[in-house]
Amino acid sequence: MKAGREKFGAFIRRQREAKEIGLREMAKKIGVSPTYLSKVERDEFPPPAEDKVRKIAAIIDHDADELLALAGRVASDLTDIIRERPREMADFLRAARGLTAEDMARLARQAQKAKEK
């Protein structure tokens, strides 16, 4: 099952259990109480803040940006980029919508090359 079809809490619980990490151990690693983490995993509480989501991603060995998206968040560095050039970024993202992952990766490589010139 893909992460996008599951709720945040159910996804992290499944990933945590697959890695055989206990609830208390995981909570300690991310700096929250086991009770709080349990409620997040049951989707009774909303996903935690970006720094905690990033810690969870590292622990379960999952891409942080994908996990942030599942949490309904956008990485703070991306929000900063959008704020710097809102019109251009909106145009770019709308134009890129519908492209394949391969096309997006190619565009990212081209943008990196252009930036290095």
N, C-alpha and C. Protein backbone atom coordinates (compact mmCIF):
# COMPACT_ATOMS: atom_id res chain seq x y z
N MET A 1 0.84 -1.19 0.00
CA MET A 1 0.00 0.00 0.00
C MET A 1 0.88 1.24 0.00
N LYS A 2 0.53 2.24 -0.79
CA LYS A 2 1.31 3.47 -0.86
C LYS A 2 0.97 4.36 0.33
N ALA A 3 1.95 5.16 0.72
CA ALA A 3 1.78 6.06 1.86
C ALA A 3 0.61 7.03 1.66
N GLY A 4 0.42 7.51 0.44
CA GLY A 4 -0.61 8.50 0.16
C GLY A 4 -2.03 8.02 0.39
N ARG A 5 -2.24 6.72 0.44
CA ARG A 5 -3.60 6.18 0.61
C ARG A 5 -3.93 5.92 2.07
N GLU A 6 -2.93 5.97 2.89
CA GLU A 6 -3.10 5.70 4.31
C GLU A 6 -3.05 7.01 5.07
N LYS A 7 -3.68 7.05 6.23
CA LYS A 7 -3.55 8.22 7.08
C LYS A 7 -2.16 8.20 7.71
N PHE A 8 -1.71 9.38 8.10
CA PHE A 8 -0.36 9.54 8.68
C PHE A 8 -0.13 8.58 9.83
N GLY A 9 -1.01 8.59 10.81
CA GLY A 9 -0.81 7.76 12.01
C GLY A 9 -0.75 6.28 11.71
N ALA A 10 -1.66 5.80 10.89
CA ALA A 10 -1.69 4.38 10.53
C ALA A 10 -0.41 3.99 9.79
N PHE A 11 0.06 4.89 8.93
CA PHE A 11 1.28 4.61 8.17
C PHE A 11 2.49 4.50 9.10
N ILE A 12 2.65 5.47 10.01
CA ILE A 12 3.85 5.40 10.87
C ILE A 12 3.77 4.22 11.83
N ARG A 13 2.58 3.88 12.30
CA ARG A 13 2.46 2.71 13.17
C ARG A 13 2.87 1.44 12.42
N ARG A 14 2.38 1.30 11.19
CA ARG A 14 2.70 0.12 10.39
C ARG A 14 4.21 0.04 10.13
N GLN A 15 4.81 1.17 9.80
CA GLN A 15 6.25 1.20 9.54
C GLN A 15 7.05 0.92 10.82
N ARG A 16 6.62 1.49 11.93
CA ARG A 16 7.31 1.27 13.22
C ARG A 16 7.26 -0.20 13.59
N GLU A 17 6.09 -0.80 13.47
CA GLU A 17 5.93 -2.21 13.83
C GLU A 17 6.72 -3.11 12.88
N ALA A 18 6.77 -2.75 11.60
CA ALA A 18 7.53 -3.54 10.62
C ALA A 18 9.02 -3.53 10.96
N LYS A 19 9.48 -2.44 11.56
CA LYS A 19 10.89 -2.34 11.96
C LYS A 19 11.11 -2.86 13.38
N GLU A 20 10.02 -3.36 13.98
CA GLU A 20 10.08 -3.91 15.34
C GLU A 20 10.62 -2.90 16.36
N ILE A 21 10.12 -1.67 16.25
CA ILE A 21 10.47 -0.62 17.19
C ILE A 21 9.27 -0.43 18.11
N GLY A 22 9.51 -0.51 19.40
CA GLY A 22 8.43 -0.34 20.37
C GLY A 22 7.93 1.10 20.42
N LEU A 23 6.68 1.26 20.84
CA LEU A 23 6.08 2.60 20.94
C LEU A 23 6.89 3.50 21.87
N ARG A 24 7.26 2.98 23.05
CA ARG A 24 8.02 3.79 24.01
C ARG A 24 9.39 4.19 23.46
N GLU A 25 10.05 3.24 22.78
CA GLU A 25 11.37 3.52 22.19
C GLU A 25 11.27 4.61 21.12
N MET A 26 10.26 4.48 20.28
CA MET A 26 10.06 5.47 19.21
C MET A 26 9.75 6.84 19.81
N ALA A 27 8.85 6.87 20.79
CA ALA A 27 8.48 8.14 21.42
C ALA A 27 9.71 8.82 22.02
N LYS A 28 10.56 8.04 22.66
CA LYS A 28 11.78 8.58 23.27
C LYS A 28 12.70 9.16 22.20
N LYS A 29 12.84 8.44 21.09
CA LYS A 29 13.72 8.88 20.00
C LYS A 29 13.27 10.20 19.38
N ILE A 30 11.95 10.41 19.32
CA ILE A 30 11.48 11.65 18.69
C ILE A 30 11.17 12.75 19.71
N GLY A 31 11.25 12.41 20.99
CA GLY A 31 11.08 13.42 22.03
C GLY A 31 9.65 13.76 22.37
N VAL A 32 8.78 12.74 22.35
CA VAL A 32 7.39 12.92 22.74
C VAL A 32 7.01 11.83 23.73
N SER A 33 5.85 11.98 24.36
CA SER A 33 5.40 10.96 25.30
C SER A 33 4.80 9.78 24.52
N PRO A 34 4.90 8.57 25.09
CA PRO A 34 4.27 7.41 24.44
C PRO A 34 2.77 7.60 24.24
N THR A 35 2.11 8.25 25.18
CA THR A 35 0.67 8.51 25.07
C THR A 35 0.37 9.38 23.86
N TYR A 36 1.17 10.44 23.70
CA TYR A 36 0.98 11.33 22.56
C TYR A 36 1.19 10.57 21.25
N LEU A 37 2.28 9.81 21.16
CA LEU A 37 2.57 9.07 19.94
C LEU A 37 1.47 8.06 19.63
N SER A 38 0.96 7.42 20.67
CA SER A 38 -0.12 6.46 20.49
C SER A 38 -1.35 7.13 19.87
N LYS A 39 -1.67 8.32 20.36
CA LYS A 39 -2.84 9.05 19.84
C LYS A 39 -2.60 9.53 18.40
N VAL A 40 -1.35 9.90 18.10
CA VAL A 40 -1.01 10.28 16.72
C VAL A 40 -1.18 9.06 15.81
N GLU A 41 -0.66 7.91 16.26
CA GLU A 41 -0.74 6.69 15.45
C GLU A 41 -2.17 6.23 15.23
N ARG A 42 -3.05 6.54 16.15
CA ARG A 42 -4.48 6.17 15.98
C ARG A 42 -5.25 7.29 15.29
N ASP A 43 -4.51 8.31 14.82
CA ASP A 43 -5.09 9.46 14.14
C ASP A 43 -6.11 10.20 15.01
N GLU A 44 -5.92 10.14 16.33
CA GLU A 44 -6.75 10.91 17.26
C GLU A 44 -6.18 12.31 17.42
N PHE A 45 -4.87 12.45 17.22
CA PHE A 45 -4.19 13.75 17.26
C PHE A 45 -3.65 14.00 15.86
N PRO A 46 -3.54 15.28 15.47
CA PRO A 46 -2.93 15.57 14.16
C PRO A 46 -1.44 15.23 14.18
N PRO A 47 -0.84 15.10 13.01
CA PRO A 47 0.59 14.82 12.96
C PRO A 47 1.38 15.90 13.70
N PRO A 48 2.55 15.53 14.23
CA PRO A 48 3.36 16.50 14.98
C PRO A 48 4.02 17.52 14.05
N ALA A 49 4.77 18.42 14.65
CA ALA A 49 5.47 19.49 13.92
C ALA A 49 6.55 18.91 13.00
N GLU A 50 7.00 19.73 12.08
CA GLU A 50 7.96 19.31 11.06
C GLU A 50 9.19 18.62 11.62
N ASP A 51 9.78 19.17 12.69
CA ASP A 51 11.01 18.56 13.23
C ASP A 51 10.76 17.13 13.70
N LYS A 52 9.62 16.89 14.30
CA LYS A 52 9.28 15.55 14.78
C LYS A 52 8.98 14.61 13.60
N VAL A 53 8.30 15.12 12.59
CA VAL A 53 8.02 14.31 11.40
C VAL A 53 9.33 13.91 10.73
N ARG A 54 10.28 14.82 10.70
CA ARG A 54 11.60 14.51 10.11
C ARG A 54 12.31 13.42 10.92
N LYS A 55 12.21 13.49 12.25
CA LYS A 55 12.82 12.45 13.10
C LYS A 55 12.16 11.10 12.84
N ILE A 56 10.83 11.10 12.74
CA ILE A 56 10.10 9.86 12.47
C ILE A 56 10.56 9.28 11.13
N ALA A 57 10.67 10.14 10.12
CA ALA A 57 11.09 9.69 8.79
C ALA A 57 12.46 9.02 8.86
N ALA A 58 13.38 9.61 9.61
CA ALA A 58 14.73 9.03 9.74
C ALA A 58 14.66 7.67 10.44
N ILE A 59 13.86 7.58 11.48
CA ILE A 59 13.76 6.34 12.27
C ILE A 59 13.15 5.21 11.43
N ILE A 60 12.10 5.52 10.67
CA ILE A 60 11.46 4.46 9.87
C ILE A 60 12.07 4.35 8.47
N ASP A 61 13.13 5.12 8.22
CA ASP A 61 13.84 5.09 6.95
C ASP A 61 12.91 5.39 5.79
N HIS A 62 12.26 6.56 5.87
CA HIS A 62 11.32 6.98 4.84
C HIS A 62 11.67 8.40 4.42
N ASP A 63 11.36 8.76 3.19
CA ASP A 63 11.65 10.10 2.70
C ASP A 63 10.89 11.15 3.52
N ALA A 64 11.61 12.15 4.03
CA ALA A 64 11.01 13.16 4.90
C ALA A 64 9.97 14.00 4.16
N ASP A 65 10.24 14.36 2.91
CA ASP A 65 9.27 15.17 2.15
C ASP A 65 7.97 14.41 1.92
N GLU A 66 8.08 13.10 1.63
CA GLU A 66 6.86 12.29 1.44
C GLU A 66 6.08 12.18 2.74
N LEU A 67 6.81 12.00 3.85
CA LEU A 67 6.11 11.87 5.14
C LEU A 67 5.48 13.20 5.55
N LEU A 68 6.16 14.31 5.26
CA LEU A 68 5.57 15.63 5.53
C LEU A 68 4.31 15.83 4.71
N ALA A 69 4.33 15.41 3.45
CA ALA A 69 3.14 15.53 2.60
C ALA A 69 2.00 14.71 3.16
N LEU A 70 2.31 13.50 3.62
CA LEU A 70 1.28 12.65 4.23
C LEU A 70 0.71 13.31 5.48
N ALA A 71 1.56 14.08 6.17
CA ALA A 71 1.14 14.80 7.37
C ALA A 71 0.39 16.09 7.02
N GLY A 72 0.29 16.39 5.72
CA GLY A 72 -0.42 17.61 5.30
C GLY A 72 0.43 18.85 5.46
N ARG A 73 1.75 18.67 5.43
CA ARG A 73 2.67 19.79 5.61
C ARG A 73 3.63 19.90 4.43
N VAL A 74 4.25 21.07 4.33
CA VAL A 74 5.29 21.31 3.33
C VAL A 74 6.53 21.71 4.10
N ALA A 75 7.68 21.19 3.70
CA ALA A 75 8.94 21.50 4.38
C ALA A 75 9.16 23.01 4.43
N SER A 76 9.67 23.50 5.55
CA SER A 76 9.85 24.94 5.74
C SER A 76 10.79 25.55 4.71
N ASP A 77 11.81 24.81 4.26
CA ASP A 77 12.70 25.38 3.25
C ASP A 77 11.95 25.59 1.93
N LEU A 78 10.98 24.73 1.63
CA LEU A 78 10.19 24.91 0.41
C LEU A 78 9.25 26.10 0.52
N THR A 79 8.68 26.28 1.70
CA THR A 79 7.79 27.43 1.89
C THR A 79 8.57 28.72 1.74
N ASP A 80 9.82 28.73 2.22
CA ASP A 80 10.68 29.91 2.07
C ASP A 80 10.93 30.21 0.60
N ILE A 81 11.20 29.15 -0.19
CA ILE A 81 11.46 29.32 -1.62
C ILE A 81 10.21 29.89 -2.31
N ILE A 82 9.05 29.37 -1.96
CA ILE A 82 7.79 29.85 -2.56
C ILE A 82 7.55 31.31 -2.18
N ARG A 83 7.83 31.68 -0.93
CA ARG A 83 7.63 33.06 -0.49
C ARG A 83 8.55 34.04 -1.21
N GLU A 84 9.75 33.58 -1.57
CA GLU A 84 10.71 34.44 -2.27
C GLU A 84 10.21 34.82 -3.66
N ARG A 85 9.57 33.87 -4.34
CA ARG A 85 9.08 34.09 -5.70
C ARG A 85 7.73 33.44 -5.88
N PRO A 86 6.71 33.96 -5.24
CA PRO A 86 5.41 33.28 -5.26
C PRO A 86 4.80 33.11 -6.65
N ARG A 87 4.83 34.14 -7.46
CA ARG A 87 4.21 34.05 -8.79
C ARG A 87 4.95 33.04 -9.66
N GLU A 88 6.28 33.12 -9.70
CA GLU A 88 7.07 32.23 -10.54
C GLU A 88 6.94 30.77 -10.09
N MET A 89 6.95 30.56 -8.78
CA MET A 89 6.84 29.19 -8.27
C MET A 89 5.46 28.62 -8.54
N ALA A 90 4.43 29.44 -8.39
CA ALA A 90 3.06 28.98 -8.69
C ALA A 90 2.96 28.60 -10.16
N ASP A 91 3.49 29.46 -11.04
CA ASP A 91 3.47 29.16 -12.48
C ASP A 91 4.23 27.87 -12.78
N PHE A 92 5.41 27.73 -12.17
CA PHE A 92 6.24 26.55 -12.40
C PHE A 92 5.52 25.27 -11.94
N LEU A 93 4.98 25.30 -10.74
CA LEU A 93 4.32 24.11 -10.20
C LEU A 93 3.08 23.74 -11.00
N ARG A 94 2.32 24.75 -11.41
CA ARG A 94 1.14 24.46 -12.23
C ARG A 94 1.53 23.87 -13.58
N ALA A 95 2.60 24.40 -14.17
CA ALA A 95 3.07 23.89 -15.46
C ALA A 95 3.60 22.46 -15.31
N ALA A 96 4.21 22.16 -14.17
CA ALA A 96 4.80 20.84 -13.95
C ALA A 96 3.77 19.79 -13.53
N ARG A 97 2.60 20.23 -13.13
CA ARG A 97 1.57 19.29 -12.70
C ARG A 97 1.24 18.32 -13.82
N GLY A 98 1.20 17.04 -13.49
CA GLY A 98 0.86 16.04 -14.48
C GLY A 98 2.08 15.41 -15.15
N LEU A 99 3.26 15.98 -14.93
CA LEU A 99 4.47 15.38 -15.49
C LEU A 99 4.79 14.08 -14.74
N THR A 100 5.50 13.20 -15.40
CA THR A 100 5.91 11.96 -14.74
C THR A 100 7.02 12.25 -13.73
N ALA A 101 7.26 11.32 -12.85
CA ALA A 101 8.34 11.46 -11.87
C ALA A 101 9.68 11.60 -12.60
N GLU A 102 9.82 10.87 -13.70
CA GLU A 102 11.05 10.94 -14.50
C GLU A 102 11.23 12.34 -15.10
N ASP A 103 10.14 12.91 -15.63
CA ASP A 103 10.19 14.27 -16.18
C ASP A 103 10.56 15.28 -15.10
N MET A 104 9.99 15.11 -13.93
CA MET A 104 10.28 16.02 -12.81
C MET A 104 11.75 15.92 -12.40
N ALA A 105 12.27 14.70 -12.35
CA ALA A 105 13.68 14.50 -11.99
C ALA A 105 14.59 15.16 -13.02
N ARG A 106 14.22 15.05 -14.30
CA ARG A 106 15.01 15.67 -15.37
C ARG A 106 15.00 17.19 -15.22
N LEU A 107 13.83 17.76 -14.93
CA LEU A 107 13.74 19.21 -14.72
C LEU A 107 14.58 19.65 -13.52
N ALA A 108 14.56 18.86 -12.46
CA ALA A 108 15.35 19.18 -11.27
C ALA A 108 16.84 19.18 -11.60
N ARG A 109 17.28 18.21 -12.39
CA ARG A 109 18.69 18.16 -12.79
C ARG A 109 19.05 19.37 -13.65
N GLN A 110 18.16 19.74 -14.56
CA GLN A 110 18.40 20.91 -15.41
C GLN A 110 18.46 22.19 -14.58
N ALA A 111 17.58 22.30 -13.60
CA ALA A 111 17.59 23.48 -12.74
C ALA A 111 18.89 23.54 -11.93
N GLN A 112 19.35 22.39 -11.46
CA GLN A 112 20.61 22.35 -10.70
C GLN A 112 21.78 22.78 -11.59
N LYS A 113 21.82 22.29 -12.82
CA LYS A 113 22.89 22.69 -13.75
C LYS A 113 22.84 24.19 -14.03
N ALA A 114 21.63 24.72 -14.24
CA ALA A 114 21.47 26.17 -14.52
C ALA A 114 21.94 26.99 -13.32
N LYS A 115 21.68 26.50 -12.12
CA LYS A 115 22.06 27.22 -10.91
C LYS A 115 23.58 27.23 -10.75
N GLU A 116 24.23 26.16 -11.20
CA GLU A 116 25.69 26.04 -11.03
C GLU A 116 26.47 26.88 -12.04
N LYS A 117 25.81 27.37 -13.09
CA LYS A 117 26.49 28.19 -14.11
C LYS A 117 26.80 29.58 -13.60
